[in-house]
Amino acid sequence: MAIRVVLAEDNALLRAGVAKLLAAADDLELVGTASDLDGLLAAVEDAAPDVVVTDIRMPPTGTDEGIRVALRLREERPHVGVVVLSQHVAATYALALLEGGAEGRAYLLKDRVAEVGELVEAVRAVAAGGSVIDPKVVESLVSARRPVRSDLDRLTPRELEVLGEIARGKSNGAIAASLVLSERAVEKHSNSIFSKLGLAEEPDVNRRVKAVLVYLEQGGGG
């Protein structure tokens, strides 16, 4: 069965170009397009997509409509993947996108979307519950504490398991159930992970997101 995709982009030429890229993939079906926030919400309601591909900035405000839609879908339609397209590397937007977990979310820069297969692969990845973060965005988010290749090697096998569950967007309670641990044990493992990755002084949301980014960057997701 084809992956159903709704596309939102206010620039008509770019919208047509992205639509063409999506249509070229045999396993994707473009079931709706929109040029603003209201149109996107209506398209999601009407077409029931598997994945939404959306610009960050659209009418009516031209600020963070794409991020707001992603957060809303996380609450109302958690099975719907979201690929956010951005003109610039914006760490604050990336953090907001991943606040509820990295599962089913992608953040790509528009100047890389035309590269062969990148957008299509991102759509496939988020439809399957995976994550794709543009390398330039990862670099921006972790540059203050640039990890070395051995960062994940500092973690114990159990800590790697916990971090893998965090990367799937799970809460401490869900991680505890999955790994047959107490929530207190998960919290202790998480704090140890953050400390070993140099994130001990970060706000909690930022720590979880940045830990996931280090995990993805260094191949922890397999």
C-alpha atoms as a PDB file:
ATOM      1  CA  MET A   1       0.000   0.000   0.000  1.00  0.00           C
ATOM      2  CA  ALA A   2       1.320   3.432  -0.945  1.00  0.00           C
ATOM      3  CA  ILE A   3       2.321   5.950   1.698  1.00  0.00           C
ATOM      4  CA  ARG A   4      -0.254   8.754   1.639  1.00  0.00           C
ATOM      5  CA  VAL A   5       1.346  12.200   1.723  1.00  0.00           C
ATOM      6  CA  VAL A   6      -0.025  15.716   2.225  1.00  0.00           C
ATOM      7  CA  LEU A   7       2.250  18.575   1.148  1.00  0.00           C
ATOM      8  CA  ALA A   8       2.124  22.144   2.498  1.00  0.00           C
ATOM      9  CA  GLU A   9       4.273  24.918   0.975  1.00  0.00           C
ATOM     10  CA  ASP A  10       3.263  28.519   0.296  1.00  0.00           C
ATOM     11  CA  ASN A  11       5.732  29.018  -2.576  1.00  0.00           C
ATOM     12  CA  ALA A  12       3.897  27.750  -5.655  1.00  0.00           C
ATOM     13  CA  LEU A  13       7.027  26.887  -7.641  1.00  0.00           C
ATOM     14  CA  LEU A  14       8.635  25.011  -4.763  1.00  0.00           C
ATOM     15  CA  ARG A  15       5.361  23.265  -4.019  1.00  0.00           C
ATOM     16  CA  ALA A  16       5.181  22.058  -7.612  1.00  0.00           C
ATOM     17  CA  GLY A  17       8.802  20.909  -7.512  1.00  0.00           C
ATOM     18  CA  VAL A  18       8.388  18.947  -4.286  1.00  0.00           C
ATOM     19  CA  ALA A  19       5.142  17.448  -5.558  1.00  0.00           C
ATOM     20  CA  LYS A  20       7.015  16.222  -8.631  1.00  0.00           C
ATOM     21  CA  LEU A  21       9.693  14.591  -6.472  1.00  0.00           C
ATOM     22  CA  LEU A  22       7.058  12.813  -4.405  1.00  0.00           C
ATOM     23  CA  ALA A  23       5.063  11.716  -7.458  1.00  0.00           C
ATOM     24  CA  ALA A  24       8.160  10.103  -8.965  1.00  0.00           C
ATOM     25  CA  ALA A  25       8.249   7.505  -6.174  1.00  0.00           C
ATOM     26  CA  ASP A  26       6.074   4.476  -6.872  1.00  0.00           C
ATOM     27  CA  ASP A  27       5.394   3.836  -3.184  1.00  0.00           C
ATOM     28  CA  LEU A  28       4.204   7.387  -2.383  1.00  0.00           C
ATOM     29  CA  GLU A  29       0.805   8.907  -3.160  1.00  0.00           C
ATOM     30  CA  LEU A  30       0.275  12.670  -2.941  1.00  0.00           C
ATOM     31  CA  VAL A  31      -3.269  12.960  -1.588  1.00  0.00           C
ATOM     32  CA  GLY A  32      -3.426  16.680  -0.813  1.00  0.00           C
ATOM     33  CA  THR A  33      -1.618  20.011  -1.045  1.00  0.00           C
ATOM     34  CA  ALA A  34      -1.928  23.285   0.825  1.00  0.00           C
ATOM     35  CA  SER A  35      -0.392  26.742   0.863  1.00  0.00           C
ATOM     36  CA  ASP A  36      -1.264  27.858   4.401  1.00  0.00           C
ATOM     37  CA  LEU A  37      -2.028  26.574   7.882  1.00  0.00           C
ATOM     38  CA  ASP A  38      -5.787  26.315   7.495  1.00  0.00           C
ATOM     39  CA  GLY A  39      -5.425  24.538   4.175  1.00  0.00           C
ATOM     40  CA  LEU A  40      -2.996  22.041   5.684  1.00  0.00           C
ATOM     41  CA  LEU A  41      -5.268  21.245   8.618  1.00  0.00           C
ATOM     42  CA  ALA A  42      -8.191  20.780   6.226  1.00  0.00           C
ATOM     43  CA  ALA A  43      -6.121  18.503   3.973  1.00  0.00           C
ATOM     44  CA  VAL A  44      -5.080  16.353   6.928  1.00  0.00           C
ATOM     45  CA  GLU A  45      -8.704  16.049   8.008  1.00  0.00           C
ATOM     46  CA  ASP A  46      -9.944  15.191   4.515  1.00  0.00           C
ATOM     47  CA  ALA A  47      -7.141  12.956   3.240  1.00  0.00           C
ATOM     48  CA  ALA A  48      -6.018  11.151   6.430  1.00  0.00           C
ATOM     49  CA  PRO A  49      -2.350  10.994   5.333  1.00  0.00           C
ATOM     50  CA  ASP A  50       0.398   8.781   6.660  1.00  0.00           C
ATOM     51  CA  VAL A  51       2.939  11.611   6.359  1.00  0.00           C
ATOM     52  CA  VAL A  52       2.780  15.407   6.216  1.00  0.00           C
ATOM     53  CA  VAL A  53       5.558  17.268   4.397  1.00  0.00           C
ATOM     54  CA  THR A  54       5.415  20.911   5.446  1.00  0.00           C
ATOM     55  CA  ASP A  55       7.303  24.164   5.316  1.00  0.00           C
ATOM     56  CA  ILE A  56       8.012  25.680   8.719  1.00  0.00           C
ATOM     57  CA  ARG A  57       6.823  29.160   7.790  1.00  0.00           C
ATOM     58  CA  MET A  58       3.491  29.648   6.063  1.00  0.00           C
ATOM     59  CA  PRO A  59       0.556  32.054   6.165  1.00  0.00           C
ATOM     60  CA  PRO A  60      -1.109  33.375   8.187  1.00  0.00           C
ATOM     61  CA  THR A  61       1.843  34.455  10.366  1.00  0.00           C
ATOM     62  CA  GLY A  62       4.856  33.124   8.449  1.00  0.00           C
ATOM     63  CA  THR A  63       6.583  32.044  11.673  1.00  0.00           C
ATOM     64  CA  ASP A  64       6.274  28.473  12.948  1.00  0.00           C
ATOM     65  CA  GLU A  65       3.102  27.022  11.423  1.00  0.00           C
ATOM     66  CA  GLY A  66       4.819  23.781  10.416  1.00  0.00           C
ATOM     67  CA  ILE A  67       6.128  23.167  13.914  1.00  0.00           C
ATOM     68  CA  ARG A  68       2.726  23.876  15.439  1.00  0.00           C
ATOM     69  CA  VAL A  69       1.097  21.391  13.089  1.00  0.00           C
ATOM     70  CA  ALA A  70       3.712  18.767  14.000  1.00  0.00           C
ATOM     71  CA  LEU A  71       3.051  19.243  17.713  1.00  0.00           C
ATOM     72  CA  ARG A  72      -0.701  19.132  17.177  1.00  0.00           C
ATOM     73  CA  LEU A  73      -0.433  15.925  15.180  1.00  0.00           C
ATOM     74  CA  ARG A  74       1.692  14.387  17.925  1.00  0.00           C
ATOM     75  CA  GLU A  75      -1.285  14.835  20.243  1.00  0.00           C
ATOM     76  CA  GLU A  76      -4.205  14.190  17.887  1.00  0.00           C
ATOM     77  CA  ARG A  77      -2.779  11.815  15.249  1.00  0.00           C
ATOM     78  CA  PRO A  78       0.411  10.284  16.692  1.00  0.00           C
ATOM     79  CA  HIS A  79       0.636   7.774  13.836  1.00  0.00           C
ATOM     80  CA  VAL A  80       1.147  10.546  11.247  1.00  0.00           C
ATOM     81  CA  GLY A  81       4.798  11.232  10.404  1.00  0.00           C
ATOM     82  CA  VAL A  82       5.975  14.793   9.746  1.00  0.00           C
ATOM     83  CA  VAL A  83       8.795  16.001   7.505  1.00  0.00           C
ATOM     84  CA  VAL A  84       9.553  19.673   8.164  1.00  0.00           C
ATOM     85  CA  LEU A  85      11.324  21.692   5.460  1.00  0.00           C
ATOM     86  CA  SER A  86      13.328  24.761   6.479  1.00  0.00           C
ATOM     87  CA  GLN A  87      15.185  27.443   4.570  1.00  0.00           C
ATOM     88  CA  HIS A  88      17.718  27.870   7.378  1.00  0.00           C
ATOM     89  CA  VAL A  89      19.411  25.904  10.153  1.00  0.00           C
ATOM     90  CA  ALA A  90      17.220  26.827  13.126  1.00  0.00           C
ATOM     91  CA  ALA A  91      18.122  25.007  16.328  1.00  0.00           C
ATOM     92  CA  THR A  92      15.133  26.389  18.227  1.00  0.00           C
ATOM     93  CA  TYR A  93      12.708  24.988  15.647  1.00  0.00           C
ATOM     94  CA  ALA A  94      14.450  21.619  15.653  1.00  0.00           C
ATOM     95  CA  LEU A  95      14.242  21.433  19.436  1.00  0.00           C
ATOM     96  CA  ALA A  96      10.548  22.294  19.307  1.00  0.00           C
ATOM     97  CA  LEU A  97       9.899  19.666  16.622  1.00  0.00           C
ATOM     98  CA  LEU A  98      11.581  16.951  18.673  1.00  0.00           C
ATOM     99  CA  GLU A  99      10.215  18.008  22.054  1.00  0.00           C
ATOM    100  CA  GLY A 100       7.765  15.126  22.202  1.00  0.00           C
ATOM    101  CA  GLY A 101      10.307  12.623  20.877  1.00  0.00           C
ATOM    102  CA  ALA A 102      12.182  12.008  17.641  1.00  0.00           C
ATOM    103  CA  GLU A 103       9.969   9.147  16.480  1.00  0.00           C
ATOM    104  CA  GLY A 104       8.240   9.863  13.178  1.00  0.00           C
ATOM    105  CA  ARG A 105       9.859  13.262  12.670  1.00  0.00           C
ATOM    106  CA  ALA A 106      12.288  14.658  10.102  1.00  0.00           C
ATOM    107  CA  TYR A 107      13.909  18.068   9.724  1.00  0.00           C
ATOM    108  CA  LEU A 108      15.418  18.781   6.294  1.00  0.00           C
ATOM    109  CA  LEU A 109      16.941  21.894   4.766  1.00  0.00           C
ATOM    110  CA  LYS A 110      15.298  22.990   1.518  1.00  0.00           C
ATOM    111  CA  ASP A 111      18.599  23.380  -0.315  1.00  0.00           C
ATOM    112  CA  ARG A 112      19.201  19.632   0.162  1.00  0.00           C
ATOM    113  CA  VAL A 113      15.715  18.412  -0.718  1.00  0.00           C
ATOM    114  CA  ALA A 114      16.523  18.244  -4.428  1.00  0.00           C
ATOM    115  CA  GLU A 115      19.332  15.768  -3.767  1.00  0.00           C
ATOM    116  CA  VAL A 116      18.408  12.425  -5.238  1.00  0.00           C
ATOM    117  CA  GLY A 117      16.192  10.413  -2.963  1.00  0.00           C
ATOM    118  CA  GLU A 118      16.710  12.426   0.222  1.00  0.00           C
ATOM    119  CA  LEU A 119      13.156  13.702   0.619  1.00  0.00           C
ATOM    120  CA  VAL A 120      11.615  10.416  -0.462  1.00  0.00           C
ATOM    121  CA  GLU A 121      13.789   8.466   1.965  1.00  0.00           C
ATOM    122  CA  ALA A 122      12.816  10.852   4.780  1.00  0.00           C
ATOM    123  CA  VAL A 123       9.121  10.306   4.014  1.00  0.00           C
ATOM    124  CA  ARG A 124       9.617   6.555   4.092  1.00  0.00           C
ATOM    125  CA  ALA A 125      11.584   6.778   7.330  1.00  0.00           C
ATOM    126  CA  VAL A 126       9.021   8.817   9.275  1.00  0.00           C
ATOM    127  CA  ALA A 127       6.164   6.690   7.923  1.00  0.00           C
ATOM    128  CA  ALA A 128       7.913   3.740   9.571  1.00  0.00           C
ATOM    129  CA  GLY A 129       8.381   5.658  12.828  1.00  0.00           C
ATOM    130  CA  GLY A 130      11.995   6.628  12.232  1.00  0.00           C
ATOM    131  CA  SER A 131      13.778   9.962  12.383  1.00  0.00           C
ATOM    132  CA  VAL A 132      15.849  12.003   9.942  1.00  0.00           C
ATOM    133  CA  ILE A 133      17.695  15.137  11.023  1.00  0.00           C
ATOM    134  CA  ASP A 134      19.740  17.134   8.516  1.00  0.00           C
ATOM    135  CA  PRO A 135      23.437  16.839   9.432  1.00  0.00           C
ATOM    136  CA  LYS A 136      23.803  20.624   9.461  1.00  0.00           C
ATOM    137  CA  VAL A 137      21.052  20.869  12.070  1.00  0.00           C
ATOM    138  CA  VAL A 138      22.667  18.157  14.175  1.00  0.00           C
ATOM    139  CA  GLU A 139      25.961  20.033  14.003  1.00  0.00           C
ATOM    140  CA  SER A 140      24.288  23.243  15.123  1.00  0.00           C
ATOM    141  CA  LEU A 141      22.574  21.584  18.075  1.00  0.00           C
ATOM    142  CA  VAL A 142      25.578  19.748  19.442  1.00  0.00           C
ATOM    143  CA  SER A 143      28.419  22.089  18.413  1.00  0.00           C
ATOM    144  CA  ALA A 144      28.718  23.572  21.885  1.00  0.00           C
ATOM    145  CA  ARG A 145      29.696  20.131  23.167  1.00  0.00           C
ATOM    146  CA  ARG A 146      31.147  18.587  20.053  1.00  0.00           C
ATOM    147  CA  PRO A 147      31.066  14.831  20.657  1.00  0.00           C
ATOM    148  CA  VAL A 148      33.981  12.571  19.867  1.00  0.00           C
ATOM    149  CA  ARG A 149      33.446   9.190  18.348  1.00  0.00           C
ATOM    150  CA  SER A 150      33.836   7.516  21.730  1.00  0.00           C
ATOM    151  CA  ASP A 151      30.906   9.334  23.384  1.00  0.00           C
ATOM    152  CA  LEU A 152      28.517   6.407  23.058  1.00  0.00           C
ATOM    153  CA  ASP A 153      31.307   4.039  24.096  1.00  0.00           C
ATOM    154  CA  ARG A 154      31.225   5.730  27.506  1.00  0.00           C
ATOM    155  CA  LEU A 155      27.736   4.396  28.090  1.00  0.00           C
ATOM    156  CA  THR A 156      27.028   1.016  29.626  1.00  0.00           C
ATOM    157  CA  PRO A 157      24.983  -1.505  27.620  1.00  0.00           C
ATOM    158  CA  ARG A 158      21.951  -0.738  29.793  1.00  0.00           C
ATOM    159  CA  GLU A 159      22.420   3.017  29.284  1.00  0.00           C
ATOM    160  CA  LEU A 160      22.566   2.453  25.527  1.00  0.00           C
ATOM    161  CA  GLU A 161      19.285   0.546  25.758  1.00  0.00           C
ATOM    162  CA  VAL A 162      17.689   3.397  27.703  1.00  0.00           C
ATOM    163  CA  LEU A 163      19.005   5.979  25.233  1.00  0.00           C
ATOM    164  CA  GLY A 164      17.647   3.914  22.352  1.00  0.00           C
ATOM    165  CA  GLU A 165      14.212   3.964  23.987  1.00  0.00           C
ATOM    166  CA  ILE A 166      14.472   7.732  24.533  1.00  0.00           C
ATOM    167  CA  ALA A 167      15.277   8.094  20.824  1.00  0.00           C
ATOM    168  CA  ARG A 168      12.003   6.325  20.051  1.00  0.00           C
ATOM    169  CA  GLY A 169      10.154   9.099  21.879  1.00  0.00           C
ATOM    170  CA  LYS A 170       9.169   7.012  24.896  1.00  0.00           C
ATOM    171  CA  SER A 171       8.459   8.440  28.347  1.00  0.00           C
ATOM    172  CA  ASN A 172      10.284   7.176  31.434  1.00  0.00           C
ATOM    173  CA  GLY A 173       7.243   5.082  32.315  1.00  0.00           C
ATOM    174  CA  ALA A 174       7.136   3.473  28.879  1.00  0.00           C
ATOM    175  CA  ILE A 175      10.891   2.824  28.984  1.00  0.00           C
ATOM    176  CA  ALA A 176      10.544   1.200  32.395  1.00  0.00           C
ATOM    177  CA  ALA A 177       7.831  -1.124  31.099  1.00  0.00           C
ATOM    178  CA  SER A 178       9.807  -2.001  27.958  1.00  0.00           C
ATOM    179  CA  LEU A 179      13.074  -2.766  29.766  1.00  0.00           C
ATOM    180  CA  VAL A 180      11.483  -4.209  32.934  1.00  0.00           C
ATOM    181  CA  LEU A 181      12.943  -1.510  35.189  1.00  0.00           C
ATOM    182  CA  SER A 182      11.530   0.833  37.787  1.00  0.00           C
ATOM    183  CA  GLU A 183      10.925   4.429  36.733  1.00  0.00           C
ATOM    184  CA  ARG A 184      13.463   5.458  39.365  1.00  0.00           C
ATOM    185  CA  ALA A 185      16.072   3.235  37.702  1.00  0.00           C
ATOM    186  CA  VAL A 186      15.277   4.745  34.303  1.00  0.00           C
ATOM    187  CA  GLU A 187      15.689   8.223  35.770  1.00  0.00           C
ATOM    188  CA  LYS A 188      19.086   7.273  37.244  1.00  0.00           C
ATOM    189  CA  HIS A 189      20.246   5.787  33.943  1.00  0.00           C
ATOM    190  CA  SER A 190      19.034   8.887  32.077  1.00  0.00           C
ATOM    191  CA  ASN A 191      20.906  11.239  34.381  1.00  0.00           C
ATOM    192  CA  SER A 192      24.055   9.153  33.945  1.00  0.00           C
ATOM    193  CA  ILE A 193      23.649   9.309  30.154  1.00  0.00           C
ATOM    194  CA  PHE A 194      23.235  13.091  30.216  1.00  0.00           C
ATOM    195  CA  SER A 195      26.296  13.465  32.437  1.00  0.00           C
ATOM    196  CA  LYS A 196      28.494  11.273  30.245  1.00  0.00           C
ATOM    197  CA  LEU A 197      27.407  13.176  27.130  1.00  0.00           C
ATOM    198  CA  GLY A 198      28.176  16.521  28.768  1.00  0.00           C
ATOM    199  CA  LEU A 199      24.527  17.564  29.031  1.00  0.00           C
ATOM    200  CA  ALA A 200      24.132  17.613  32.805  1.00  0.00           C
ATOM    201  CA  GLU A 201      23.449  21.351  33.061  1.00  0.00           C
ATOM    202  CA  GLU A 202      20.918  21.517  30.217  1.00  0.00           C
ATOM    203  CA  PRO A 203      17.139  21.938  30.716  1.00  0.00           C
ATOM    204  CA  ASP A 204      15.512  18.507  30.745  1.00  0.00           C
ATOM    205  CA  VAL A 205      13.818  18.773  27.327  1.00  0.00           C
ATOM    206  CA  ASN A 206      17.039  19.982  25.716  1.00  0.00           C
ATOM    207  CA  ARG A 207      19.018  17.184  27.365  1.00  0.00           C
ATOM    208  CA  ARG A 208      16.732  14.490  26.001  1.00  0.00           C
ATOM    209  CA  VAL A 209      16.674  15.968  22.510  1.00  0.00           C
ATOM    210  CA  LYS A 210      20.435  16.543  22.328  1.00  0.00           C
ATOM    211  CA  ALA A 211      21.143  13.064  23.694  1.00  0.00           C
ATOM    212  CA  VAL A 212      18.959  11.634  20.921  1.00  0.00           C
ATOM    213  CA  LEU A 213      20.797  13.710  18.325  1.00  0.00           C
ATOM    214  CA  VAL A 214      24.162  12.425  19.544  1.00  0.00           C
ATOM    215  CA  TYR A 215      22.732   8.901  19.401  1.00  0.00           C
ATOM    216  CA  LEU A 216      21.529   9.361  15.816  1.00  0.00           C
ATOM    217  CA  GLU A 217      24.671  11.165  14.662  1.00  0.00           C
ATOM    218  CA  GLN A 218      26.980   8.439  15.943  1.00  0.00           C
ATOM    219  CA  GLY A 219      24.977   5.591  14.483  1.00  0.00           C
ATOM    220  CA  GLY A 220      23.276   4.452  17.661  1.00  0.00           C
ATOM    221  CA  GLY A 221      20.056   3.877  15.733  1.00  0.00           C
ATOM    222  CA  GLY A 222      21.711   1.139  13.691  1.00  0.00           C
END
